[in-house]
């Protein structure tokens, strides 16, 4: 599993948690992006990586989709996860 090359940004509150939960679930980033695309999102791996790295804003729709894919509540994505 790759480690993050850059520090997390501060453009969203959920990216770090989405990344942690995705990795815990054993879902590769490209597979997660594919699931979002199947749900109708126009997202590419670079954009998703920036979301996880908190370098870009996350839309409410993206947060909803991420929670659904991960099988967690939206509130979980805003909690401290280590």
N, C-alpha and C. Protein backbone atom coordinates (compact mmCIF):
# COMPACT_ATOMS: atom_id res chain seq x y z
N UNK A 1 0.85 -1.17 0.00
CA UNK A 1 0.00 0.00 0.00
C UNK A 1 0.89 1.24 0.00
N UNK A 2 0.60 2.15 -0.90
CA UNK A 2 1.37 3.38 -1.00
C UNK A 2 1.12 4.27 0.21
N UNK A 3 2.14 5.02 0.57
CA UNK A 3 1.96 6.03 1.61
C UNK A 3 1.79 7.38 0.94
N UNK A 4 1.13 8.27 1.63
CA UNK A 4 0.87 9.60 1.08
C UNK A 4 2.19 10.37 0.97
N UNK A 5 2.40 10.98 -0.19
CA UNK A 5 3.64 11.72 -0.45
C UNK A 5 3.59 13.15 0.07
N UNK A 6 2.39 13.70 0.17
CA UNK A 6 2.25 15.08 0.61
C UNK A 6 1.39 15.14 1.87
N UNK A 7 1.53 16.22 2.60
CA UNK A 7 0.71 16.44 3.78
C UNK A 7 -0.75 16.67 3.38
N UNK A 8 -1.65 16.40 4.30
CA UNK A 8 -3.05 16.67 4.04
C UNK A 8 -3.28 18.18 4.00
N UNK A 9 -4.22 18.57 3.14
CA UNK A 9 -4.59 19.98 3.04
C UNK A 9 -5.66 20.31 4.05
N UNK A 10 -6.38 21.40 3.80
CA UNK A 10 -7.45 21.80 4.71
C UNK A 10 -8.71 22.25 3.95
N UNK A 11 -8.90 21.72 2.75
CA UNK A 11 -10.04 22.12 1.93
C UNK A 11 -11.32 21.34 2.25
N UNK A 12 -11.21 20.23 2.96
CA UNK A 12 -12.41 19.51 3.38
C UNK A 12 -12.11 18.80 4.69
N UNK A 13 -13.16 18.31 5.34
CA UNK A 13 -13.01 17.64 6.63
C UNK A 13 -13.05 16.13 6.53
N UNK A 14 -13.41 15.59 5.39
CA UNK A 14 -13.70 14.16 5.30
C UNK A 14 -12.68 13.34 4.53
N UNK A 15 -11.84 13.98 3.75
CA UNK A 15 -10.92 13.25 2.87
C UNK A 15 -10.04 12.25 3.58
N UNK A 16 -9.44 12.66 4.67
CA UNK A 16 -8.54 11.79 5.43
C UNK A 16 -9.28 10.56 5.94
N UNK A 17 -10.51 10.76 6.39
CA UNK A 17 -11.31 9.64 6.90
C UNK A 17 -11.78 8.72 5.78
N UNK A 18 -12.13 9.29 4.64
CA UNK A 18 -12.51 8.46 3.50
C UNK A 18 -11.33 7.57 3.12
N UNK A 19 -10.15 8.15 3.08
CA UNK A 19 -8.96 7.38 2.74
C UNK A 19 -8.72 6.26 3.76
N UNK A 20 -8.79 6.58 5.05
CA UNK A 20 -8.55 5.58 6.09
C UNK A 20 -9.57 4.44 6.01
N UNK A 21 -10.84 4.79 5.86
CA UNK A 21 -11.88 3.76 5.80
C UNK A 21 -11.78 2.93 4.52
N UNK A 22 -11.44 3.58 3.42
CA UNK A 22 -11.27 2.86 2.16
C UNK A 22 -10.15 1.84 2.28
N UNK A 23 -9.04 2.25 2.86
CA UNK A 23 -7.91 1.34 3.03
C UNK A 23 -8.25 0.21 3.99
N UNK A 24 -8.95 0.51 5.07
CA UNK A 24 -9.38 -0.54 6.03
C UNK A 24 -10.28 -1.56 5.35
N UNK A 25 -11.10 -1.08 4.42
CA UNK A 25 -12.02 -1.98 3.72
C UNK A 25 -11.31 -2.75 2.60
N UNK A 26 -10.06 -2.40 2.35
CA UNK A 26 -9.30 -3.10 1.31
C UNK A 26 -9.72 -2.73 -0.10
N UNK A 27 -10.24 -1.52 -0.26
CA UNK A 27 -10.69 -1.06 -1.57
C UNK A 27 -9.59 -0.20 -2.18
N UNK A 28 -9.15 -0.57 -3.36
CA UNK A 28 -8.14 0.23 -4.06
C UNK A 28 -8.78 1.52 -4.54
N UNK A 29 -7.97 2.56 -4.63
CA UNK A 29 -8.47 3.85 -5.03
C UNK A 29 -9.16 3.79 -6.40
N UNK A 30 -8.57 3.07 -7.35
CA UNK A 30 -9.16 2.99 -8.69
C UNK A 30 -10.52 2.29 -8.64
N UNK A 31 -10.67 1.31 -7.76
CA UNK A 31 -11.95 0.61 -7.62
C UNK A 31 -13.01 1.52 -6.98
N UNK A 32 -12.57 2.33 -6.02
CA UNK A 32 -13.48 3.27 -5.38
C UNK A 32 -13.98 4.29 -6.40
N UNK A 33 -13.05 4.79 -7.21
CA UNK A 33 -13.42 5.75 -8.26
C UNK A 33 -14.40 5.10 -9.23
N UNK A 34 -14.17 3.86 -9.59
CA UNK A 34 -15.08 3.15 -10.50
C UNK A 34 -16.48 3.05 -9.90
N UNK A 35 -16.57 2.77 -8.60
CA UNK A 35 -17.87 2.68 -7.94
C UNK A 35 -18.58 4.02 -7.97
N UNK A 36 -17.82 5.10 -7.78
CA UNK A 36 -18.43 6.43 -7.85
C UNK A 36 -18.90 6.74 -9.26
N UNK A 37 -18.12 6.33 -10.25
CA UNK A 37 -18.51 6.56 -11.64
C UNK A 37 -19.77 5.79 -11.99
N UNK A 38 -19.88 4.56 -11.49
CA UNK A 38 -21.09 3.76 -11.72
C UNK A 38 -22.30 4.45 -11.11
N UNK A 39 -22.08 5.17 -10.00
CA UNK A 39 -23.17 5.89 -9.33
C UNK A 39 -23.50 7.21 -10.06
N UNK A 40 -22.77 7.52 -11.14
CA UNK A 40 -23.08 8.69 -11.94
C UNK A 40 -22.18 9.89 -11.71
N UNK A 41 -21.09 9.71 -10.97
CA UNK A 41 -20.19 10.83 -10.71
C UNK A 41 -19.14 10.92 -11.80
N UNK A 42 -18.89 12.13 -12.25
CA UNK A 42 -17.84 12.39 -13.23
C UNK A 42 -16.58 12.72 -12.44
N UNK A 43 -15.88 11.68 -12.01
CA UNK A 43 -14.69 11.85 -11.18
C UNK A 43 -13.58 10.99 -11.74
N UNK A 44 -12.36 11.48 -11.66
CA UNK A 44 -11.22 10.70 -12.13
C UNK A 44 -10.28 10.45 -10.95
N UNK A 45 -9.32 9.56 -11.10
CA UNK A 45 -8.43 9.23 -9.99
C UNK A 45 -7.68 10.43 -9.41
N UNK A 46 -7.27 11.36 -10.25
CA UNK A 46 -6.55 12.54 -9.75
C UNK A 46 -7.45 13.40 -8.87
N UNK A 47 -8.66 13.62 -9.33
CA UNK A 47 -9.62 14.42 -8.56
C UNK A 47 -9.94 13.75 -7.24
N UNK A 48 -10.12 12.41 -7.27
CA UNK A 48 -10.42 11.69 -6.03
C UNK A 48 -9.23 11.73 -5.08
N UNK A 49 -8.03 11.61 -5.62
CA UNK A 49 -6.84 11.68 -4.78
C UNK A 49 -6.75 13.04 -4.09
N UNK A 50 -7.11 14.09 -4.80
CA UNK A 50 -7.11 15.43 -4.20
C UNK A 50 -8.19 15.55 -3.12
N UNK A 51 -9.32 14.89 -3.33
CA UNK A 51 -10.37 14.89 -2.31
C UNK A 51 -9.85 14.20 -1.05
N UNK A 52 -9.27 13.01 -1.22
CA UNK A 52 -8.73 12.28 -0.07
C UNK A 52 -7.61 13.05 0.61
N UNK A 53 -6.81 13.75 -0.17
CA UNK A 53 -5.70 14.51 0.39
C UNK A 53 -6.11 15.85 0.96
N UNK A 54 -7.40 16.12 0.92
CA UNK A 54 -7.99 17.35 1.44
C UNK A 54 -7.43 18.58 0.73
N UNK A 55 -7.13 18.39 -0.57
CA UNK A 55 -6.60 19.47 -1.38
C UNK A 55 -7.71 20.17 -2.16
N UNK A 56 -8.86 19.51 -2.28
CA UNK A 56 -10.00 20.13 -2.94
C UNK A 56 -11.25 19.92 -2.11
N UNK A 57 -12.25 20.72 -2.37
CA UNK A 57 -13.52 20.61 -1.66
C UNK A 57 -14.21 19.29 -2.01
N UNK A 58 -14.98 18.78 -1.09
CA UNK A 58 -15.81 17.61 -1.33
C UNK A 58 -17.26 18.08 -1.37
N UNK A 59 -17.98 17.70 -2.41
CA UNK A 59 -19.38 18.10 -2.49
C UNK A 59 -20.22 17.23 -1.57
N UNK A 60 -21.40 17.71 -1.25
CA UNK A 60 -22.31 16.92 -0.42
C UNK A 60 -22.66 15.60 -1.10
N UNK A 61 -22.79 15.62 -2.40
CA UNK A 61 -23.11 14.40 -3.15
C UNK A 61 -21.96 13.40 -3.07
N UNK A 62 -20.71 13.89 -3.14
CA UNK A 62 -19.55 13.00 -3.05
C UNK A 62 -19.45 12.39 -1.65
N UNK A 63 -19.75 13.18 -0.63
CA UNK A 63 -19.72 12.67 0.75
C UNK A 63 -20.79 11.60 0.92
N UNK A 64 -21.97 11.85 0.39
CA UNK A 64 -23.05 10.87 0.46
C UNK A 64 -22.64 9.57 -0.23
N UNK A 65 -22.07 9.67 -1.43
CA UNK A 65 -21.67 8.48 -2.18
C UNK A 65 -20.56 7.73 -1.47
N UNK A 66 -19.58 8.44 -0.93
CA UNK A 66 -18.48 7.80 -0.22
C UNK A 66 -19.00 7.01 0.99
N UNK A 67 -19.91 7.61 1.74
CA UNK A 67 -20.48 6.93 2.90
C UNK A 67 -21.23 5.67 2.46
N UNK A 68 -21.97 5.79 1.38
CA UNK A 68 -22.73 4.64 0.88
C UNK A 68 -21.79 3.52 0.43
N UNK A 69 -20.75 3.85 -0.32
CA UNK A 69 -19.80 2.85 -0.79
C UNK A 69 -19.09 2.18 0.38
N UNK A 70 -18.74 2.98 1.40
CA UNK A 70 -18.03 2.45 2.56
C UNK A 70 -18.95 1.76 3.57
N UNK A 71 -20.25 1.94 3.40
CA UNK A 71 -21.21 1.30 4.31
C UNK A 71 -21.21 1.92 5.70
N UNK A 72 -20.99 3.24 5.75
CA UNK A 72 -20.98 3.95 7.03
C UNK A 72 -21.94 5.13 6.96
N UNK A 73 -22.23 5.70 8.11
CA UNK A 73 -23.08 6.90 8.12
C UNK A 73 -22.23 8.09 7.69
N UNK A 74 -22.90 9.10 7.22
CA UNK A 74 -22.20 10.33 6.84
C UNK A 74 -21.46 10.90 8.04
N UNK A 75 -22.07 10.82 9.23
CA UNK A 75 -21.43 11.34 10.43
C UNK A 75 -20.09 10.68 10.69
N UNK A 76 -19.96 9.41 10.35
CA UNK A 76 -18.70 8.69 10.56
C UNK A 76 -17.56 9.37 9.81
N UNK A 77 -17.85 9.91 8.64
CA UNK A 77 -16.80 10.55 7.84
C UNK A 77 -16.29 11.83 8.48
N UNK A 78 -17.06 12.39 9.41
CA UNK A 78 -16.64 13.62 10.09
C UNK A 78 -16.01 13.38 11.46
N UNK A 79 -16.01 12.13 11.92
CA UNK A 79 -15.42 11.79 13.22
C UNK A 79 -13.92 11.56 13.09
N UNK A 80 -13.22 11.66 14.20
CA UNK A 80 -11.79 11.37 14.21
C UNK A 80 -11.59 9.86 14.05
N UNK A 81 -10.87 9.47 13.02
CA UNK A 81 -10.58 8.05 12.76
C UNK A 81 -9.08 7.89 12.74
N UNK A 82 -8.59 6.97 13.47
CA UNK A 82 -7.15 6.67 13.47
C UNK A 82 -6.93 5.21 13.27
